[in-house]
Amino acid sequence: MKINNRLITQLIAPACFSSLLLLANSASAESSLDFVGELDTYLGYNRPAGGDDVESKTGVESNGLTTSYLGVHGSHDLDNGLTAIASVEAFMRPDSGEIGRFEDDIMFARAAYFGLKGDFGQFTIGRNTSLYFLSAIIFNPFGDSFSFSPMVLSSFGGGGLYGDTGWSDSLVYTTPTAGGFTTSFSYAFGEKAGDTSTNKMAANTFYKSGDFGFTAAIQKISGTQSGATGLGPDDDQTDGIVGISYAIGDSTVYAQYQMMRDKINGEGSDIDRDTLVLSASIAVGKGAIYLGYGYTKIDTDGSDYDRNIYTIMYNLPLSKKLDLYVGYTNDDPEWTEKTGQTFGLGGRFRF
């Protein structure tokens, strides 16, 4: 009998997710299960950067400032100060009610792991959030926005960075905070038979002292990866990012620098990308104006290109759970005939 994988995703996987939610209502006193999530929709206009044949789109869209998701977090206290933890989280598109960031996305793409935490730190195994992604999104006011964030657009959002925002088949260890620093290490197996070189490895660190914050991350992606078909079996990419922040009252300024190095198994094919992003959250009234500028220099053996991204946004929190936003982004790559334009008016609700 032929099995319809699409039918499994649409019917069976959501049913399993619903069962987890039912378990949350029957948790014992020594354990906890929490339903979490965030829904983000906006009315928007988008015209991607490109040629004259690129079409614009106007309508209700999902995930303007945050990629919407639903999930369950679980914990269970053990002896000797240890706590068992687990999480399953699924991205979704609330404008259509579909699971996933895009068609045929995996069910629990945001997270699917379990592990232990205690005085030693924390260890998890399964599908974990990319350490590099965390350093990229926390040190700018636009967070993980794939529509408006100059840093995300210059890296994960079509900027050439491989490896996805979540790593399957991965192990992550996070140290206890010491001297203001918290550091994590990650390794993801490629699971390609007979080839241990197809893998991913990363490390990041965060530092906080008063109004000053700092992060740094590095990762190496080797071989052909799921969702990274631009890398061949003998290719690899090394990425590094640093970010700083400084709070001035209710406002915060940020700076980020990123380097991406593609090592291609072929003469004249290596690609170097260097990105600088400056941004700020400026308190105005009950909300804040977000400003962002990103500049990327792309060097190949044959030619060089520039890319400039400008974003302005106003964010208005109505409560701890609900905020509204209006934003505009201009994406101007040197290699396209027309710049990209994105405008959105929307909101987010957190569970």
Foldseek 3Di string as FASTA:
>chain_A
DDDDPVVCLVPVLVVVQVVLVVVQVVDDPQKHKDKWWKWWKWFKKWFAFFAPPTDIDTGIWTFQLHQTKIKMKMWGDDPPFKIKIWMFMWTAIVVVGGTDPDPPHDGRQADGWIWMAGQFFTKIFFKYFDPVLVQQQPQAPSGCGLNFDQSCCCEVNVVQHDDDRIAGQKMKGWGPQDPQKIKMWMKHAQPDPPDRQQIKIKMKMWGDDPQKIKMKMKMKGAADDVVNNVAHRGKMKIKMKMKMWGDDDPKMKMKMKMWMWIDHPDPQAIKIKIKIKIWMWADDDQWTKIWMKMWMWMDTSVDIWIKIKTKIKIKHDPDPFKIWMWMWMWIDIPPHPGIMIMTITIMMGID
